[in-house]
C-alpha atoms as a PDB file:
ATOM      1  CA  MET A   1       3.447 -21.544  -1.247  1.00  0.00           C
ATOM      2  CA  ARG A   2       1.659 -18.789   0.665  1.00  0.00           C
ATOM      3  CA  PHE A   3       3.754 -19.572   3.729  1.00  0.00           C
ATOM      4  CA  LEU A   4       6.943 -19.179   1.708  1.00  0.00           C
ATOM      5  CA  ALA A   5       5.770 -15.853   0.240  1.00  0.00           C
ATOM      6  CA  ARG A   6       4.774 -14.501   3.654  1.00  0.00           C
ATOM      7  CA  SER A   7       8.027 -15.700   5.224  1.00  0.00           C
ATOM      8  CA  LEU A   8      10.075 -14.045   2.497  1.00  0.00           C
ATOM      9  CA  GLY A   9       7.975 -10.893   2.885  1.00  0.00           C
ATOM     10  CA  LEU A  10       8.649 -10.850   6.623  1.00  0.00           C
ATOM     11  CA  PHE A  11      12.381 -11.361   6.085  1.00  0.00           C
ATOM     12  CA  LEU A  12      12.513  -8.534   3.533  1.00  0.00           C
ATOM     13  CA  ALA A  13      10.481  -6.238   5.810  1.00  0.00           C
ATOM     14  CA  ALA A  14      12.966  -6.897   8.631  1.00  0.00           C
ATOM     15  CA  ALA A  15      15.861  -6.159   6.268  1.00  0.00           C
ATOM     16  CA  ALA A  16      14.117  -2.938   5.175  1.00  0.00           C
ATOM     17  CA  PHE A  17      13.733  -1.916   8.812  1.00  0.00           C
ATOM     18  CA  VAL A  18      17.434  -2.535   9.443  1.00  0.00           C
ATOM     19  CA  ALA A  19      18.360  -0.540   6.325  1.00  0.00           C
ATOM     20  CA  ALA A  20      16.089   2.316   7.447  1.00  0.00           C
ATOM     21  CA  VAL A  21      17.690   2.328  10.907  1.00  0.00           C
ATOM     22  CA  VAL A  22      21.163   2.441   9.347  1.00  0.00           C
ATOM     23  CA  ASP A  23      20.080   5.310   7.066  1.00  0.00           C
ATOM     24  CA  GLY A  24      18.540   7.131  10.027  1.00  0.00           C
ATOM     25  CA  THR A  25      21.691   6.710  12.085  1.00  0.00           C
ATOM     26  CA  ARG A  26      23.828   8.061   9.255  1.00  0.00           C
ATOM     27  CA  SER A  27      21.428  10.965   8.757  1.00  0.00           C
ATOM     28  CA  ILE A  28      21.564  11.924  12.436  1.00  0.00           C
ATOM     29  CA  ALA A  29      25.347  11.676  12.498  1.00  0.00           C
ATOM     30  CA  ASP A  30      25.775  13.783   9.338  1.00  0.00           C
ATOM     31  CA  ASN A  31      23.052  16.339  10.190  1.00  0.00           C
ATOM     32  CA  HIS A  32      21.373  15.877   6.802  1.00  0.00           C
ATOM     33  CA  PHE A  33      19.314  13.208   5.060  1.00  0.00           C
ATOM     34  CA  VAL A  34      21.492  10.327   3.876  1.00  0.00           C
ATOM     35  CA  PHE A  35      20.267   7.099   2.307  1.00  0.00           C
ATOM     36  CA  LEU A  36      21.887   4.083   0.718  1.00  0.00           C
ATOM     37  CA  PRO A  37      20.802   3.775  -2.933  1.00  0.00           C
ATOM     38  CA  VAL A  38      20.134   0.432  -4.598  1.00  0.00           C
ATOM     39  CA  ARG A  39      23.034   1.100  -6.996  1.00  0.00           C
ATOM     40  CA  ALA A  40      25.528   1.222  -4.102  1.00  0.00           C
ATOM     41  CA  VAL A  41      24.270  -2.073  -2.677  1.00  0.00           C
ATOM     42  CA  TRP A  42      24.417  -3.751  -6.094  1.00  0.00           C
ATOM     43  CA  LEU A  43      27.938  -2.458  -6.729  1.00  0.00           C
ATOM     44  CA  TRP A  44      28.990  -3.664  -3.271  1.00  0.00           C
ATOM     45  CA  LEU A  45      27.528  -7.140  -3.837  1.00  0.00           C
ATOM     46  CA  GLY A  46      28.795  -7.681  -7.382  1.00  0.00           C
ATOM     47  CA  PRO A  47      30.255  -4.913  -9.537  1.00  0.00           C
ATOM     48  CA  ALA A  48      30.765  -7.295 -12.472  1.00  0.00           C
ATOM     49  CA  SER A  49      27.060  -8.191 -12.586  1.00  0.00           C
ATOM     50  CA  PHE A  50      26.147  -4.496 -12.576  1.00  0.00           C
ATOM     51  CA  ASP A  51      28.403  -3.862 -15.565  1.00  0.00           C
ATOM     52  CA  ARG A  52      27.022  -6.912 -17.410  1.00  0.00           C
ATOM     53  CA  MET A  53      23.429  -5.834 -16.782  1.00  0.00           C
ATOM     54  CA  ARG A  54      24.135  -2.299 -17.958  1.00  0.00           C
ATOM     55  CA  ALA A  55      25.834  -3.578 -21.125  1.00  0.00           C
ATOM     56  CA  TRP A  56      22.959  -5.988 -21.796  1.00  0.00           C
ATOM     57  CA  VAL A  57      20.244  -3.344 -21.332  1.00  0.00           C
ATOM     58  CA  GLU A  58      22.093  -0.834 -23.494  1.00  0.00           C
ATOM     59  CA  ALA A  59      22.803  -3.394 -26.242  1.00  0.00           C
ATOM     60  CA  SER A  60      19.524  -5.337 -26.242  1.00  0.00           C
ATOM     61  CA  LEU A  61      16.989  -2.695 -25.339  1.00  0.00           C
ATOM     62  CA  SER A  62      18.169   0.888 -25.429  1.00  0.00           C
ATOM     63  CA  VAL A  63      20.559   3.386 -23.900  1.00  0.00           C
ATOM     64  CA  PHE A  64      17.532   5.653 -23.465  1.00  0.00           C
ATOM     65  CA  LEU A  65      15.863   2.997 -21.299  1.00  0.00           C
ATOM     66  CA  TRP A  66      18.950   2.640 -19.092  1.00  0.00           C
ATOM     67  CA  ASN A  67      19.405   6.388 -18.665  1.00  0.00           C
ATOM     68  CA  ASN A  68      15.754   7.320 -18.139  1.00  0.00           C
ATOM     69  CA  LEU A  69      14.219   4.325 -16.361  1.00  0.00           C
ATOM     70  CA  VAL A  70      16.727   1.917 -14.863  1.00  0.00           C
ATOM     71  CA  SER A  71      19.255   4.453 -13.602  1.00  0.00           C
ATOM     72  CA  PRO A  72      16.689   6.543 -11.657  1.00  0.00           C
ATOM     73  CA  LEU A  73      15.244   3.349 -10.148  1.00  0.00           C
ATOM     74  CA  LEU A  74      18.722   2.356  -8.997  1.00  0.00           C
ATOM     75  CA  GLY A  75      18.966   5.706  -7.227  1.00  0.00           C
ATOM     76  CA  LEU A  76      16.011   4.936  -4.944  1.00  0.00           C
ATOM     77  CA  PRO A  77      16.675   4.235  -1.257  1.00  0.00           C
ATOM     78  CA  PHE A  78      17.445   0.575  -0.618  1.00  0.00           C
ATOM     79  CA  ALA A  79      15.118   0.490   2.407  1.00  0.00           C
ATOM     80  CA  LEU A  80      12.202   1.745   0.298  1.00  0.00           C
ATOM     81  CA  VAL A  81      12.784  -0.837  -2.426  1.00  0.00           C
ATOM     82  CA  LEU A  82      13.033  -3.633   0.147  1.00  0.00           C
ATOM     83  CA  MET A  83       9.777  -2.476   1.746  1.00  0.00           C
ATOM     84  CA  LEU A  84       7.990  -2.408  -1.628  1.00  0.00           C
ATOM     85  CA  VAL A  85       9.237  -5.893  -2.527  1.00  0.00           C
ATOM     86  CA  SER A  86       8.238  -7.210   0.913  1.00  0.00           C
ATOM     87  CA  GLY A  87       4.766  -5.727   0.401  1.00  0.00           C
ATOM     88  CA  LEU A  88       4.552  -7.555  -2.918  1.00  0.00           C
ATOM     89  CA  PHE A  89       5.395 -10.852  -1.219  1.00  0.00           C
ATOM     90  CA  PHE A  90       2.860 -10.174   1.558  1.00  0.00           C
ATOM     91  CA  TRP A  91       0.257  -9.494  -1.128  1.00  0.00           C
ATOM     92  CA  LEU A  92       1.162 -12.724  -2.953  1.00  0.00           C
ATOM     93  CA  GLY A  93       0.921 -14.668   0.313  1.00  0.00           C
ATOM     94  CA  ARG A  94      -2.454 -13.322   1.377  1.00  0.00           C
ATOM     95  CA  PRO A  95      -5.164 -15.851   2.176  1.00  0.00           C
ATOM     96  CA  PRO A  96      -7.810 -16.451  -0.473  1.00  0.00           C
ATOM     97  CA  ALA A  97     -10.960 -14.349  -0.323  1.00  0.00           C
ATOM     98  CA  SER A  98     -13.912 -15.818   1.528  1.00  0.00           C
ATOM     99  CA  ARG A  99     -16.441 -17.447  -0.775  1.00  0.00           C
ATOM    100  CA  ILE A 100     -19.307 -16.907   1.689  1.00  0.00           C
ATOM    101  CA  GLY A 101     -21.957 -14.626   0.276  1.00  0.00           C
ATOM    102  CA  TYR A 102     -20.850 -15.006  -3.325  1.00  0.00           C
ATOM    103  CA  VAL A 103     -22.467 -17.137  -5.995  1.00  0.00           C
ATOM    104  CA  SER A 104     -19.956 -19.884  -6.712  1.00  0.00           C
ATOM    105  CA  HIS A 105     -21.773 -21.306  -9.736  1.00  0.00           C
ATOM    106  CA  LEU A 106     -24.429 -20.110 -12.118  1.00  0.00           C
END
């Protein structure tokens, strides 16, 4: 299971690097900072799922939650979100702590 988590973390880190390079290339070409937000990627992958998720959050939870929490999170750079998720998978796939030097039973 740790191998799978670390492999997925490595894949997501590589994807984050590619997304950062694409954002950097666009920023250099446009002479100002440009990044691809998560919302744009989600809408590109499946606009119907975005609309369903928005309707579900607004109906089940709250419009306030969508407007003040979810929407700003969807405005974050895609490369940053991928890097954070890859870090989470690296953390989940870390080896167990060494038991040497600790009392294992009382």
